[in-house]
Amino acid sequence: MNDVNNHPELHVNEEPRNDFMDVAVGFGLMFGVCLVMAIIATIISMS
């Protein structure tokens, strides 16, 4: 049996990701959506 299959720490990541950029983009998009909703709600409440 192959020992590499029994040790997840030896597994090579086939698709390396930049976790910081993933978090930054997700935060930015969520902030943008919430900002747009707040602006729309403010405009509706003022009219």
N, C-alpha and C. Protein backbone atom coordinates (compact mmCIF):
# COMPACT_ATOMS: atom_id res chain seq x y z
N MET A 1 0.85 -1.19 0.00
CA MET A 1 0.00 0.00 0.00
C MET A 1 0.89 1.25 0.00
N ASN A 2 0.40 2.28 -0.64
CA ASN A 2 1.16 3.52 -0.77
C ASN A 2 1.00 4.38 0.48
N ASP A 3 2.12 4.76 1.11
CA ASP A 3 2.05 5.53 2.36
C ASP A 3 1.59 6.97 2.15
N VAL A 4 1.75 7.49 0.93
CA VAL A 4 1.37 8.89 0.68
C VAL A 4 -0.14 9.07 0.88
N ASN A 5 -0.92 8.07 0.55
CA ASN A 5 -2.37 8.18 0.69
C ASN A 5 -2.81 8.23 2.15
N ASN A 6 -1.96 7.79 3.08
CA ASN A 6 -2.32 7.76 4.49
C ASN A 6 -1.89 9.02 5.24
N HIS A 7 -1.16 9.92 4.58
CA HIS A 7 -0.64 11.11 5.25
C HIS A 7 -1.11 12.36 4.51
N PRO A 8 -2.20 12.99 4.99
CA PRO A 8 -2.71 14.17 4.28
C PRO A 8 -1.72 15.32 4.25
N GLU A 9 -0.80 15.39 5.24
CA GLU A 9 0.15 16.51 5.24
C GLU A 9 1.15 16.39 4.08
N LEU A 10 1.28 15.21 3.49
CA LEU A 10 2.18 15.03 2.35
C LEU A 10 1.48 15.29 1.02
N HIS A 11 0.18 15.53 1.07
CA HIS A 11 -0.58 15.74 -0.16
C HIS A 11 -0.20 17.07 -0.79
N VAL A 12 0.08 17.01 -2.09
CA VAL A 12 0.45 18.22 -2.82
C VAL A 12 -0.82 18.93 -3.26
N ASN A 13 -0.89 20.22 -2.99
CA ASN A 13 -2.06 21.00 -3.38
C ASN A 13 -2.01 21.26 -4.88
N GLU A 14 -2.96 20.67 -5.62
CA GLU A 14 -2.95 20.81 -7.07
C GLU A 14 -3.32 22.22 -7.52
N GLU A 15 -4.14 22.89 -6.72
CA GLU A 15 -4.61 24.22 -7.11
C GLU A 15 -4.34 25.20 -5.96
N PRO A 16 -3.13 25.76 -5.90
CA PRO A 16 -2.83 26.70 -4.81
C PRO A 16 -3.68 27.95 -4.92
N ARG A 17 -4.16 28.42 -3.80
CA ARG A 17 -5.02 29.60 -3.77
C ARG A 17 -4.40 30.66 -2.88
N ASN A 18 -4.71 31.90 -3.17
CA ASN A 18 -4.27 33.00 -2.33
C ASN A 18 -5.42 33.32 -1.38
N ASP A 19 -5.33 32.80 -0.15
CA ASP A 19 -6.43 32.93 0.80
C ASP A 19 -6.70 34.39 1.15
N PHE A 20 -5.65 35.20 1.26
CA PHE A 20 -5.86 36.60 1.62
C PHE A 20 -6.68 37.31 0.54
N MET A 21 -6.38 37.06 -0.72
CA MET A 21 -7.14 37.72 -1.79
C MET A 21 -8.57 37.20 -1.82
N ASP A 22 -8.78 35.92 -1.55
CA ASP A 22 -10.15 35.39 -1.50
C ASP A 22 -10.96 36.10 -0.42
N VAL A 23 -10.36 36.28 0.76
CA VAL A 23 -11.05 36.96 1.85
C VAL A 23 -11.27 38.43 1.51
N ALA A 24 -10.25 39.08 0.94
CA ALA A 24 -10.36 40.50 0.60
C ALA A 24 -11.45 40.74 -0.45
N VAL A 25 -11.50 39.91 -1.47
CA VAL A 25 -12.53 40.06 -2.50
C VAL A 25 -13.91 39.79 -1.92
N GLY A 26 -14.03 38.76 -1.11
CA GLY A 26 -15.33 38.46 -0.50
C GLY A 26 -15.80 39.58 0.41
N PHE A 27 -14.88 40.12 1.21
CA PHE A 27 -15.23 41.24 2.09
C PHE A 27 -15.64 42.45 1.26
N GLY A 28 -14.86 42.75 0.22
CA GLY A 28 -15.17 43.91 -0.62
C GLY A 28 -16.52 43.79 -1.30
N LEU A 29 -16.83 42.62 -1.83
CA LEU A 29 -18.12 42.42 -2.50
C LEU A 29 -19.28 42.53 -1.51
N MET A 30 -19.11 41.92 -0.33
CA MET A 30 -20.18 41.99 0.67
C MET A 30 -20.37 43.42 1.16
N PHE A 31 -19.26 44.13 1.36
CA PHE A 31 -19.34 45.53 1.77
C PHE A 31 -20.06 46.35 0.70
N GLY A 32 -19.74 46.12 -0.55
CA GLY A 32 -20.39 46.84 -1.65
C GLY A 32 -21.88 46.57 -1.71
N VAL A 33 -22.27 45.32 -1.56
CA VAL A 33 -23.70 44.97 -1.60
C VAL A 33 -24.43 45.63 -0.44
N CYS A 34 -23.85 45.56 0.76
CA CYS A 34 -24.49 46.18 1.93
C CYS A 34 -24.54 47.69 1.78
N LEU A 35 -23.51 48.30 1.22
CA LEU A 35 -23.50 49.75 1.01
C LEU A 35 -24.60 50.16 0.04
N VAL A 36 -24.74 49.43 -1.05
CA VAL A 36 -25.81 49.75 -2.02
C VAL A 36 -27.18 49.59 -1.38
N MET A 37 -27.38 48.54 -0.60
CA MET A 37 -28.68 48.35 0.06
C MET A 37 -28.95 49.48 1.06
N ALA A 38 -27.91 49.92 1.78
CA ALA A 38 -28.10 51.01 2.75
C ALA A 38 -28.43 52.31 2.04
N ILE A 39 -27.78 52.58 0.93
CA ILE A 39 -28.06 53.81 0.17
C ILE A 39 -29.49 53.78 -0.37
N ILE A 40 -29.90 52.64 -0.92
CA ILE A 40 -31.27 52.53 -1.44
C ILE A 40 -32.28 52.69 -0.31
N ALA A 41 -32.03 52.06 0.84
CA ALA A 41 -32.95 52.18 1.98
C ALA A 41 -33.02 53.61 2.47
N THR A 42 -31.89 54.32 2.47
CA THR A 42 -31.89 55.71 2.90
C THR A 42 -32.69 56.58 1.93
N ILE A 43 -32.51 56.37 0.65
CA ILE A 43 -33.26 57.13 -0.35
C ILE A 43 -34.75 56.88 -0.22
N ILE A 44 -35.13 55.61 -0.02
CA ILE A 44 -36.56 55.28 0.12
C ILE A 44 -37.13 55.91 1.39
N SER A 45 -36.38 55.87 2.49
CA SER A 45 -36.91 56.41 3.73
C SER A 45 -36.98 57.95 3.71
N MET A 46 -36.17 58.61 2.93
CA MET A 46 -36.19 60.06 2.85
C MET A 46 -37.29 60.59 1.95
N SER A 47 -37.78 59.75 1.05
CA SER A 47 -38.80 60.23 0.11
C SER A 47 -40.20 60.05 0.65
